């Protein structure tokens, strides 16, 4: 028996789709356009390159963070609930597949393009390192945070999808949970006790 058969099948199917390449190209094109827009004052000598590098890093980092947060809401929040509505989830369990085979297969199938899109923007984010104003450690930590945020968002979407039946409700609950994950620490810092 093949190790994780649904994952292998979904990877093979995604590799053949032109949309996989188009989404990666679109993510890089957006990052390059933003990068060139932020670099243009530096080309004219208006802003020093180190400030431009820091601004580029901040803008692309925030854009990537928003992308990673919302990916789970729109990509995985309805994957298992869709199987429940169609009545095919029970049929999958009648095969010799285990629960983790099905969940990992659905996760890989739905999130592959999103992961590719995020990884494709990392070289454009690394331009800030070449320009100046950003260290290699900051770049590495940003890449780890963006990747971890993406997987948290995807896992949260899968969890909501496993407990939901309606697709719209699942997306709404996933969006609410993601926004709570962002807002609660910010509120705790803003309104919490201050240290002397």
N, C-alpha and C. Protein backbone atom coordinates (compact mmCIF):
# COMPACT_ATOMS: atom_id res chain seq x y z
N UNK A 1 0.85 -1.18 0.00
CA UNK A 1 0.00 0.00 0.00
C UNK A 1 0.89 1.24 0.00
N UNK A 2 0.50 2.24 -0.71
CA UNK A 2 1.25 3.49 -0.83
C UNK A 2 1.09 4.32 0.44
N UNK A 3 2.17 4.96 0.85
CA UNK A 3 2.12 5.84 2.01
C UNK A 3 1.36 7.10 1.63
N UNK A 4 0.32 7.43 2.36
CA UNK A 4 -0.55 8.58 2.11
C UNK A 4 -1.02 8.62 0.65
N UNK A 5 -1.86 7.70 0.24
CA UNK A 5 -2.25 7.59 -1.17
C UNK A 5 -3.02 8.79 -1.70
N UNK A 6 -3.85 9.41 -0.88
CA UNK A 6 -4.62 10.56 -1.36
C UNK A 6 -3.69 11.75 -1.59
N UNK A 7 -2.68 11.91 -0.73
CA UNK A 7 -1.73 13.00 -0.91
C UNK A 7 -0.99 12.83 -2.24
N UNK A 8 -0.54 11.61 -2.51
CA UNK A 8 0.18 11.36 -3.77
C UNK A 8 -0.71 11.63 -4.98
N UNK A 9 -1.94 11.17 -4.91
CA UNK A 9 -2.88 11.38 -6.02
C UNK A 9 -3.15 12.87 -6.25
N UNK A 10 -3.37 13.61 -5.17
CA UNK A 10 -3.67 15.03 -5.29
C UNK A 10 -2.45 15.82 -5.79
N UNK A 11 -1.27 15.43 -5.36
CA UNK A 11 -0.06 16.10 -5.85
C UNK A 11 0.12 15.87 -7.35
N UNK A 12 -0.15 14.68 -7.80
CA UNK A 12 -0.04 14.39 -9.23
C UNK A 12 -1.07 15.20 -10.04
N UNK A 13 -2.28 15.30 -9.51
CA UNK A 13 -3.31 16.08 -10.22
C UNK A 13 -2.96 17.56 -10.25
N UNK A 14 -2.49 18.10 -9.14
CA UNK A 14 -2.15 19.52 -9.09
C UNK A 14 -0.97 19.85 -10.00
N UNK A 15 -0.05 18.91 -10.14
CA UNK A 15 1.12 19.16 -10.98
C UNK A 15 0.73 19.33 -12.45
N UNK A 16 -0.37 18.75 -12.85
CA UNK A 16 -0.79 18.82 -14.26
C UNK A 16 -1.64 20.05 -14.58
N UNK A 17 -2.08 20.76 -13.58
CA UNK A 17 -2.99 21.89 -13.81
C UNK A 17 -2.23 23.16 -14.13
N UNK A 18 -2.63 23.88 -15.18
CA UNK A 18 -1.98 25.15 -15.49
C UNK A 18 -2.23 26.22 -14.43
N UNK A 19 -3.31 26.08 -13.69
CA UNK A 19 -3.64 27.06 -12.65
C UNK A 19 -2.58 27.08 -11.56
N UNK A 20 -1.93 25.96 -11.31
CA UNK A 20 -0.87 25.91 -10.30
C UNK A 20 0.24 26.89 -10.65
N UNK A 21 0.66 26.89 -11.90
CA UNK A 21 1.73 27.79 -12.33
C UNK A 21 1.24 29.23 -12.42
N UNK A 22 0.00 29.42 -12.82
CA UNK A 22 -0.54 30.77 -12.95
C UNK A 22 -0.65 31.46 -11.59
N UNK A 23 -1.06 30.73 -10.56
CA UNK A 23 -1.17 31.32 -9.23
C UNK A 23 0.20 31.68 -8.66
N UNK A 24 1.19 30.84 -8.89
CA UNK A 24 2.54 31.18 -8.42
C UNK A 24 3.06 32.41 -9.14
N UNK A 25 2.84 32.45 -10.45
CA UNK A 25 3.29 33.60 -11.23
C UNK A 25 2.57 34.87 -10.79
N UNK A 26 1.27 34.77 -10.51
CA UNK A 26 0.51 35.93 -10.07
C UNK A 26 0.98 36.45 -8.72
N UNK A 27 1.31 35.55 -7.80
CA UNK A 27 1.79 35.98 -6.48
C UNK A 27 3.13 36.69 -6.60
N UNK A 28 4.01 36.16 -7.43
CA UNK A 28 5.32 36.80 -7.62
C UNK A 28 5.17 38.12 -8.35
N UNK A 29 4.29 38.18 -9.33
CA UNK A 29 4.08 39.42 -10.07
C UNK A 29 3.55 40.52 -9.15
N UNK A 30 2.62 40.19 -8.27
CA UNK A 30 2.11 41.17 -7.30
C UNK A 30 3.22 41.65 -6.38
N UNK A 31 4.04 40.73 -5.88
CA UNK A 31 5.13 41.12 -4.98
C UNK A 31 6.16 41.98 -5.71
N UNK A 32 6.45 41.66 -6.98
CA UNK A 32 7.41 42.45 -7.75
C UNK A 32 6.86 43.85 -8.02
N UNK A 33 5.59 43.96 -8.34
CA UNK A 33 5.00 45.28 -8.58
C UNK A 33 5.04 46.14 -7.32
N UNK A 34 4.71 45.55 -6.17
CA UNK A 34 4.79 46.29 -4.91
C UNK A 34 6.23 46.68 -4.62
N UNK A 35 7.14 45.73 -4.85
CA UNK A 35 8.55 46.02 -4.61
C UNK A 35 9.08 47.13 -5.49
N UNK A 36 8.74 47.12 -6.76
CA UNK A 36 9.20 48.18 -7.65
C UNK A 36 8.57 49.52 -7.30
N UNK A 37 7.33 49.49 -6.87
CA UNK A 37 6.69 50.73 -6.45
C UNK A 37 7.36 51.34 -5.23
N UNK A 38 7.79 50.48 -4.31
CA UNK A 38 8.48 50.99 -3.12
C UNK A 38 9.93 51.36 -3.40
N UNK A 39 10.52 50.75 -4.43
CA UNK A 39 11.92 51.03 -4.75
C UNK A 39 12.09 52.27 -5.62
N UNK A 40 11.05 52.72 -6.27
CA UNK A 40 11.20 53.83 -7.20
C UNK A 40 11.69 55.12 -6.55
N UNK A 41 11.29 55.50 -5.32
CA UNK A 41 11.89 56.70 -4.72
C UNK A 41 13.39 56.54 -4.45
N UNK A 42 13.81 55.33 -4.17
CA UNK A 42 15.23 55.09 -3.92
C UNK A 42 16.03 55.21 -5.21
N UNK A 43 15.43 54.83 -6.34
CA UNK A 43 16.13 54.95 -7.63
C UNK A 43 16.39 56.41 -7.96
N UNK A 44 15.48 57.30 -7.56
CA UNK A 44 15.63 58.72 -7.84
C UNK A 44 16.49 59.43 -6.81
N UNK A 45 16.89 58.73 -5.75
CA UNK A 45 17.74 59.32 -4.73
C UNK A 45 16.99 60.09 -3.67
N UNK A 46 15.70 59.96 -3.61
CA UNK A 46 14.89 60.70 -2.64
C UNK A 46 15.02 60.07 -1.25
N UNK A 47 15.03 58.75 -1.19
CA UNK A 47 15.08 58.02 0.08
C UNK A 47 16.34 57.17 0.09
N UNK A 48 17.05 57.08 1.22
CA UNK A 48 18.22 56.21 1.29
C UNK A 48 17.83 54.74 1.11
N UNK A 49 18.73 53.93 0.56
CA UNK A 49 18.41 52.53 0.30
C UNK A 49 18.05 51.73 1.55
N UNK A 50 18.66 52.04 2.70
CA UNK A 50 18.33 51.26 3.90
C UNK A 50 16.89 51.47 4.34
N UNK A 51 16.41 52.70 4.23
CA UNK A 51 15.00 52.95 4.56
C UNK A 51 14.08 52.28 3.55
N UNK A 52 14.50 52.27 2.30
CA UNK A 52 13.70 51.60 1.27
C UNK A 52 13.64 50.10 1.52
N UNK A 53 14.78 49.51 1.90
CA UNK A 53 14.81 48.08 2.20
C UNK A 53 13.91 47.72 3.36
N UNK A 54 13.94 48.55 4.40
CA UNK A 54 13.07 48.31 5.56
C UNK A 54 11.61 48.46 5.18
N UNK A 55 11.27 49.48 4.38
CA UNK A 55 9.87 49.68 3.96
C UNK A 55 9.40 48.53 3.08
N UNK A 56 10.26 48.06 2.19
CA UNK A 56 9.91 46.92 1.33
C UNK A 56 9.66 45.67 2.16
N UNK A 57 10.54 45.44 3.12
CA UNK A 57 10.42 44.27 3.99
C UNK A 57 9.12 44.33 4.80
N UNK A 58 8.82 45.50 5.34
CA UNK A 58 7.61 45.66 6.15
C UNK A 58 6.35 45.49 5.31
N UNK A 59 6.32 46.11 4.14
CA UNK A 59 5.12 46.04 3.29
C UNK A 59 4.88 44.61 2.80
N UNK A 60 5.91 43.96 2.31
CA UNK A 60 5.73 42.59 1.81
C UNK A 60 5.48 41.61 2.95
N UNK A 61 6.06 41.87 4.11
CA UNK A 61 5.80 41.02 5.27
C UNK A 61 4.36 41.12 5.74
N UNK A 62 3.83 42.33 5.80
CA UNK A 62 2.43 42.50 6.20
C UNK A 62 1.46 41.92 5.17
N UNK A 63 1.78 42.11 3.90
CA UNK A 63 0.95 41.53 2.84
C UNK A 63 0.97 40.00 2.91
N UNK A 64 2.15 39.43 3.12
CA UNK A 64 2.26 37.98 3.27
C UNK A 64 1.55 37.46 4.51
N UNK A 65 1.59 38.24 5.60
CA UNK A 65 0.91 37.83 6.82
C UNK A 65 -0.60 37.81 6.63
N UNK A 66 -1.14 38.82 5.96
CA UNK A 66 -2.57 38.83 5.67
C UNK A 66 -2.98 37.69 4.75
N UNK A 67 -2.14 37.43 3.75
CA UNK A 67 -2.38 36.32 2.82
C UNK A 67 -2.38 34.99 3.57
N UNK A 68 -1.40 34.81 4.45
CA UNK A 68 -1.30 33.55 5.18
C UNK A 68 -2.46 33.38 6.16
N UNK A 69 -2.91 34.47 6.77
CA UNK A 69 -4.02 34.37 7.71
C UNK A 69 -5.33 34.00 7.03
N UNK A 70 -5.59 34.61 5.90
CA UNK A 70 -6.88 34.40 5.23
C UNK A 70 -6.92 33.17 4.35
N UNK A 71 -5.79 32.54 4.12
CA UNK A 71 -5.75 31.38 3.24
C UNK A 71 -6.60 30.23 3.77
N UNK A 72 -6.51 29.97 5.06
CA UNK A 72 -7.28 28.87 5.63
C UNK A 72 -8.78 29.10 5.57
N UNK A 73 -9.16 30.36 5.68
CA UNK A 73 -10.59 30.67 5.63
C UNK A 73 -11.17 30.33 4.26
N UNK A 74 -10.47 30.71 3.22
CA UNK A 74 -11.02 30.54 1.88
C UNK A 74 -10.64 29.23 1.22
N UNK A 75 -9.64 28.54 1.73
CA UNK A 75 -9.16 27.33 1.06
C UNK A 75 -9.63 26.06 1.75
N UNK A 76 -9.46 25.96 3.06
CA UNK A 76 -9.75 24.70 3.73
C UNK A 76 -11.00 24.69 4.59
N UNK A 77 -11.66 25.82 4.77
CA UNK A 77 -12.79 25.87 5.69
C UNK A 77 -14.00 25.07 5.21
N UNK A 78 -14.04 24.70 3.95
CA UNK A 78 -15.20 23.96 3.45
C UNK A 78 -14.81 22.62 2.84
N UNK A 79 -13.61 22.12 3.08
CA UNK A 79 -13.21 20.89 2.38
C UNK A 79 -13.85 19.63 2.96
N UNK A 80 -13.86 19.46 4.26
CA UNK A 80 -14.49 18.27 4.84
C UNK A 80 -16.00 18.41 4.93
N UNK A 81 -16.48 19.63 5.17
CA UNK A 81 -17.93 19.82 5.22
C UNK A 81 -18.55 19.61 3.84
N UNK A 82 -17.83 19.90 2.79
CA UNK A 82 -18.32 19.63 1.44
C UNK A 82 -18.49 18.13 1.21
N UNK A 83 -17.54 17.34 1.71
CA UNK A 83 -17.66 15.88 1.61
C UNK A 83 -18.87 15.37 2.41
N UNK A 84 -19.11 16.00 3.56
CA UNK A 84 -20.27 15.60 4.36
C UNK A 84 -21.58 15.91 3.64
N UNK A 85 -21.65 17.10 3.03
CA UNK A 85 -22.88 17.49 2.32
C UNK A 85 -23.13 16.59 1.11
N UNK A 86 -22.05 16.22 0.42
CA UNK A 86 -22.19 15.36 -0.76
C UNK A 86 -22.42 13.90 -0.39
N UNK A 87 -22.18 13.55 0.86
CA UNK A 87 -22.36 12.17 1.30
C UNK A 87 -21.22 11.25 0.91
N UNK A 88 -20.07 11.80 0.58
CA UNK A 88 -18.95 10.97 0.14
C UNK A 88 -17.92 10.73 1.24
N UNK A 89 -18.04 11.38 2.37
CA UNK A 89 -17.07 11.17 3.45
C UNK A 89 -17.20 9.76 4.02
N UNK A 90 -18.42 9.30 4.18
CA UNK A 90 -18.62 7.93 4.65
C UNK A 90 -18.08 6.89 3.68
N UNK A 91 -18.17 7.19 2.38
CA UNK A 91 -17.63 6.26 1.39
C UNK A 91 -16.11 6.17 1.47
N UNK A 92 -15.46 7.28 1.80
CA UNK A 92 -14.01 7.25 1.95
C UNK A 92 -13.59 6.39 3.13
N UNK A 93 -14.41 6.38 4.18
CA UNK A 93 -14.07 5.56 5.34
C UNK A 93 -14.38 4.08 5.12
N UNK A 94 -15.13 3.76 4.08
CA UNK A 94 -15.37 2.35 3.76
C UNK A 94 -14.16 1.71 3.08
N UNK A 95 -13.28 2.51 2.55
CA UNK A 95 -12.05 1.98 1.95
C UNK A 95 -11.06 1.66 3.06
N UNK A 96 -9.87 1.22 2.67
CA UNK A 96 -8.87 0.90 3.68
C UNK A 96 -8.06 2.13 4.11
N UNK A 97 -8.57 3.32 3.79
CA UNK A 97 -7.90 4.55 4.19
C UNK A 97 -8.18 4.84 5.66
N UNK A 98 -7.21 5.45 6.30
CA UNK A 98 -7.38 5.87 7.70
C UNK A 98 -7.78 7.33 7.72
N UNK A 99 -8.14 7.79 8.89
CA UNK A 99 -8.57 9.18 9.04
C UNK A 99 -7.50 10.17 8.67
N UNK A 100 -6.24 9.88 9.07
CA UNK A 100 -5.17 10.83 8.76
C UNK A 100 -4.87 10.86 7.26
N UNK A 101 -5.10 9.74 6.55
CA UNK A 101 -4.93 9.74 5.09
C UNK A 101 -5.89 10.72 4.43
N UNK A 102 -7.13 10.69 4.87
CA UNK A 102 -8.16 11.55 4.28
C UNK A 102 -7.91 13.01 4.63
N UNK A 103 -7.61 13.30 5.89
CA UNK A 103 -7.40 14.68 6.31
C UNK A 103 -6.15 15.27 5.65
N UNK A 104 -5.06 14.53 5.65
CA UNK A 104 -3.84 15.04 5.00
C UNK A 104 -4.02 15.17 3.49
N UNK A 105 -4.76 14.25 2.89
CA UNK A 105 -5.02 14.35 1.46
C UNK A 105 -5.82 15.59 1.11
N UNK A 106 -6.85 15.85 1.89
CA UNK A 106 -7.65 17.06 1.67
C UNK A 106 -6.83 18.33 1.93
N UNK A 107 -6.02 18.30 2.98
CA UNK A 107 -5.20 19.47 3.30
C UNK A 107 -4.21 19.77 2.19
N UNK A 108 -3.55 18.76 1.69
CA UNK A 108 -2.57 18.96 0.61
C UNK A 108 -3.28 19.40 -0.67
N UNK A 109 -4.40 18.78 -0.97
CA UNK A 109 -5.11 19.11 -2.20
C UNK A 109 -5.57 20.56 -2.22
N UNK A 110 -6.08 21.02 -1.11
CA UNK A 110 -6.62 22.38 -1.06
C UNK A 110 -5.55 23.44 -0.87
N UNK A 111 -4.46 23.10 -0.18
CA UNK A 111 -3.50 24.14 0.21
C UNK A 111 -2.26 24.20 -0.65
N UNK A 112 -2.12 23.34 -1.61
CA UNK A 112 -0.88 23.29 -2.38
C UNK A 112 -0.60 24.60 -3.11
N UNK A 113 -1.59 25.14 -3.79
CA UNK A 113 -1.38 26.39 -4.52
C UNK A 113 -1.10 27.56 -3.60
N UNK A 114 -1.73 27.57 -2.43
CA UNK A 114 -1.52 28.65 -1.48
C UNK A 114 -0.09 28.60 -0.93
N UNK A 115 0.38 27.42 -0.62
CA UNK A 115 1.75 27.26 -0.13
C UNK A 115 2.75 27.66 -1.21
N UNK A 116 2.51 27.23 -2.43
CA UNK A 116 3.39 27.62 -3.54
C UNK A 116 3.42 29.13 -3.72
N UNK A 117 2.27 29.78 -3.60
CA UNK A 117 2.20 31.22 -3.76
C UNK A 117 3.00 31.95 -2.69
N UNK A 118 2.92 31.47 -1.45
CA UNK A 118 3.67 32.12 -0.37
C UNK A 118 5.16 31.90 -0.54
N UNK A 119 5.56 30.69 -0.86
CA UNK A 119 6.99 30.40 -1.03
C UNK A 119 7.57 31.16 -2.21
N UNK A 120 6.77 31.38 -3.24
CA UNK A 120 7.27 32.10 -4.42
C UNK A 120 7.55 33.56 -4.12
N UNK A 121 6.94 34.12 -3.07
CA UNK A 121 7.20 35.53 -2.74
C UNK A 121 8.43 35.72 -1.86
N UNK A 122 9.00 34.66 -1.32
CA UNK A 122 10.16 34.79 -0.45
C UNK A 122 11.39 35.40 -1.15
N UNK A 123 11.69 35.05 -2.41
CA UNK A 123 12.84 35.72 -3.05
C UNK A 123 12.65 37.23 -3.22
N UNK A 124 11.42 37.67 -3.46
CA UNK A 124 11.17 39.10 -3.56
C UNK A 124 11.33 39.75 -2.19
N UNK A 125 10.91 39.07 -1.14
CA UNK A 125 11.10 39.55 0.22
C UNK A 125 12.59 39.64 0.55
N UNK A 126 13.38 38.73 -0.01
CA UNK A 126 14.82 38.73 0.24
C UNK A 126 15.54 39.89 -0.44
N UNK A 127 14.89 40.57 -1.37
CA UNK A 127 15.50 41.76 -1.97
C UNK A 127 15.80 42.82 -0.92
N UNK A 128 14.99 42.87 0.13
CA UNK A 128 15.23 43.83 1.21
C UNK A 128 16.57 43.57 1.88
N UNK A 129 16.98 42.32 1.94
CA UNK A 129 18.29 41.98 2.50
C UNK A 129 19.41 42.52 1.62
N UNK A 130 19.25 42.42 0.31
CA UNK A 130 20.27 42.91 -0.61
C UNK A 130 20.34 44.44 -0.63
N UNK A 131 19.19 45.08 -0.47
CA UNK A 131 19.14 46.54 -0.50
C UNK A 131 19.74 47.12 0.78
N UNK A 132 19.48 46.49 1.90
CA UNK A 132 19.98 46.96 3.18
C UNK A 132 18.85 47.31 4.11
N UNK A 133 19.18 47.44 5.37
CA UNK A 133 18.19 47.79 6.37
C UNK A 133 17.54 46.58 7.03
N UNK A 134 17.84 45.37 6.54
CA UNK A 134 17.27 44.14 7.08
C UNK A 134 18.40 43.13 7.22
N UNK A 135 18.42 42.42 8.32
CA UNK A 135 19.45 41.40 8.52
C UNK A 135 18.95 40.04 8.04
N UNK A 136 19.86 39.12 7.88
CA UNK A 136 19.50 37.77 7.47
C UNK A 136 18.64 37.07 8.50
N UNK A 137 18.89 37.35 9.79
CA UNK A 137 18.08 36.76 10.85
C UNK A 137 16.64 37.22 10.79
N UNK A 138 16.44 38.51 10.52
CA UNK A 138 15.08 39.03 10.39
C UNK A 138 14.36 38.39 9.21
N UNK A 139 15.07 38.22 8.12
CA UNK A 139 14.47 37.58 6.94
C UNK A 139 14.11 36.13 7.23
N UNK A 140 14.99 35.41 7.89
CA UNK A 140 14.70 34.02 8.24
C UNK A 140 13.53 33.89 9.19
N UNK A 141 13.49 34.76 10.19
CA UNK A 141 12.37 34.72 11.14
C UNK A 141 11.05 35.09 10.47
N UNK A 142 11.10 36.04 9.55
CA UNK A 142 9.87 36.41 8.84
C UNK A 142 9.36 35.26 7.99
N UNK A 143 10.28 34.55 7.32
CA UNK A 143 9.86 33.40 6.50
C UNK A 143 9.26 32.30 7.38
N UNK A 144 9.84 32.08 8.54
CA UNK A 144 9.31 31.05 9.44
C UNK A 144 7.93 31.47 9.98
N UNK A 145 7.79 32.74 10.34
CA UNK A 145 6.51 33.22 10.87
C UNK A 145 5.43 33.14 9.80
N UNK A 146 5.74 33.53 8.57
CA UNK A 146 4.75 33.48 7.50
C UNK A 146 4.33 32.04 7.20
N UNK A 147 5.29 31.14 7.16
CA UNK A 147 4.98 29.73 6.91
C UNK A 147 4.16 29.13 8.05
N UNK A 148 4.53 29.44 9.28
CA UNK A 148 3.80 28.94 10.44
C UNK A 148 2.39 29.50 10.50
N UNK A 149 2.24 30.78 10.17
CA UNK A 149 0.92 31.41 10.14
C UNK A 149 0.04 30.76 9.09
N UNK A 150 0.61 30.44 7.94
CA UNK A 150 -0.15 29.78 6.88
C UNK A 150 -0.64 28.41 7.34
N UNK A 151 0.24 27.63 7.95
CA UNK A 151 -0.18 26.30 8.40
C UNK A 151 -1.16 26.37 9.56
N UNK A 152 -1.04 27.36 10.42
CA UNK A 152 -2.03 27.55 11.48
C UNK A 152 -3.40 27.88 10.88
N UNK A 153 -3.41 28.75 9.91
CA UNK A 153 -4.67 29.14 9.26
C UNK A 153 -5.30 27.95 8.54
N UNK A 154 -4.49 27.18 7.84
CA UNK A 154 -5.01 26.00 7.13
C UNK A 154 -5.54 24.96 8.12
N UNK A 155 -4.82 24.74 9.21
CA UNK A 155 -5.27 23.76 10.21
C UNK A 155 -6.55 24.22 10.91
N UNK A 156 -6.65 25.52 11.16
CA UNK A 156 -7.86 26.06 11.76
C UNK A 156 -9.05 25.89 10.82
N UNK A 157 -8.84 26.12 9.53
CA UNK A 157 -9.89 25.91 8.55
C UNK A 157 -10.33 24.45 8.48
N UNK A 158 -9.36 23.54 8.54
CA UNK A 158 -9.69 22.10 8.54
C UNK A 158 -10.48 21.72 9.78
N UNK A 159 -10.10 22.26 10.93
CA UNK A 159 -10.80 21.95 12.18
C UNK A 159 -12.25 22.43 12.13
N UNK A 160 -12.44 23.65 11.64
CA UNK A 160 -13.80 24.18 11.52
C UNK A 160 -14.59 23.37 10.52
N UNK A 161 -13.96 22.97 9.43
CA UNK A 161 -14.65 22.18 8.40
C UNK A 161 -15.06 20.81 8.93
N UNK A 162 -14.26 20.24 9.81
CA UNK A 162 -14.60 18.93 10.38
C UNK A 162 -15.80 19.00 11.31
N UNK A 163 -16.03 20.17 11.93
CA UNK A 163 -17.13 20.32 12.87
C UNK A 163 -18.34 21.01 12.28
N UNK A 164 -18.32 21.32 11.00
CA UNK A 164 -19.40 22.08 10.39
C UNK A 164 -20.03 21.28 9.26
N UNK A 165 -21.23 21.67 8.89
CA UNK A 165 -21.92 21.04 7.77
C UNK A 165 -22.12 22.02 6.63
N UNK A 166 -22.43 23.28 6.93
CA UNK A 166 -22.69 24.30 5.93
C UNK A 166 -21.39 25.03 5.60
N UNK A 167 -21.15 25.27 4.32
CA UNK A 167 -19.92 25.90 3.87
C UNK A 167 -19.80 27.36 4.29
N UNK A 168 -20.90 28.10 4.22
CA UNK A 168 -20.85 29.52 4.60
C UNK A 168 -20.63 29.68 6.10
N UNK A 169 -21.26 28.85 6.86
CA UNK A 169 -21.07 28.91 8.31
C UNK A 169 -19.63 28.57 8.65
N UNK A 170 -19.08 27.57 7.97
CA UNK A 170 -17.69 27.18 8.23
C UNK A 170 -16.73 28.31 7.90
N UNK A 171 -16.95 28.99 6.78
CA UNK A 171 -16.08 30.11 6.42
C UNK A 171 -16.23 31.26 7.41
N UNK A 172 -17.45 31.54 7.84
CA UNK A 172 -17.68 32.61 8.81
C UNK A 172 -17.02 32.33 10.15
N UNK A 173 -17.16 31.10 10.63
CA UNK A 173 -16.55 30.73 11.91
C UNK A 173 -15.03 30.75 11.79
N UNK A 174 -14.50 30.26 10.69
CA UNK A 174 -13.05 30.27 10.49
C UNK A 174 -12.51 31.70 10.44
N UNK A 175 -13.23 32.59 9.75
CA UNK A 175 -12.82 34.00 9.69
C UNK A 175 -12.88 34.63 11.07
N UNK A 176 -13.91 34.34 11.83
CA UNK A 176 -14.04 34.87 13.18
C UNK A 176 -12.91 34.38 14.08
N UNK A 177 -12.57 33.11 13.99
CA UNK A 177 -11.48 32.57 14.81
C UNK A 177 -10.13 33.16 14.42
N UNK A 178 -9.90 33.35 13.12
CA UNK A 178 -8.63 33.94 12.68
C UNK A 178 -8.52 35.38 13.15
N UNK A 179 -9.60 36.12 13.03
CA UNK A 179 -9.57 37.51 13.50
C UNK A 179 -9.39 37.58 15.02
N UNK A 180 -9.97 36.62 15.74
CA UNK A 180 -9.78 36.58 17.19
C UNK A 180 -8.33 36.26 17.53
N UNK A 181 -7.70 35.39 16.76
CA UNK A 181 -6.29 35.07 16.99
C UNK A 181 -5.40 36.30 16.81
N UNK A 182 -5.79 37.17 15.91
CA UNK A 182 -5.00 38.39 15.67
C UNK A 182 -5.36 39.47 16.68
N UNK A 183 -6.64 39.62 16.98
CA UNK A 183 -7.09 40.75 17.80
C UNK A 183 -6.81 40.56 19.28
N UNK A 184 -6.95 39.35 19.80
CA UNK A 184 -6.80 39.16 21.25
C UNK A 184 -5.40 39.50 21.77
N UNK A 185 -4.33 39.05 21.14
CA UNK A 185 -3.00 39.47 21.63
C UNK A 185 -2.80 40.98 21.52
N UNK A 186 -3.30 41.57 20.44
CA UNK A 186 -3.16 43.02 20.27
C UNK A 186 -3.92 43.77 21.36
N UNK A 187 -5.14 43.30 21.67
CA UNK A 187 -5.91 43.92 22.74
C UNK A 187 -5.24 43.74 24.10
N UNK A 188 -4.65 42.57 24.30
CA UNK A 188 -3.95 42.33 25.57
C UNK A 188 -2.77 43.24 25.74
N UNK A 189 -2.05 43.52 24.67
CA UNK A 189 -0.91 44.43 24.75
C UNK A 189 -1.38 45.87 24.90
N UNK A 190 -2.44 46.23 24.18
CA UNK A 190 -2.91 47.62 24.20
C UNK A 190 -3.56 48.00 25.52
N UNK A 191 -4.38 47.13 26.07
CA UNK A 191 -5.16 47.47 27.25
C UNK A 191 -4.72 46.73 28.51
N UNK A 192 -3.70 45.93 28.39
CA UNK A 192 -3.22 45.17 29.54
C UNK A 192 -2.41 46.05 30.48
N UNK A 193 -1.98 45.45 31.60
CA UNK A 193 -1.18 46.22 32.55
C UNK A 193 0.18 46.57 31.95
N UNK A 194 0.63 47.76 32.28
CA UNK A 194 1.94 48.20 31.79
C UNK A 194 2.99 47.91 32.84
N UNK A 195 4.14 47.51 32.36
CA UNK A 195 5.25 47.22 33.27
C UNK A 195 6.04 48.49 33.53
N UNK A 196 6.51 48.67 34.75
CA UNK A 196 7.26 49.90 35.06
C UNK A 196 8.61 49.93 34.38
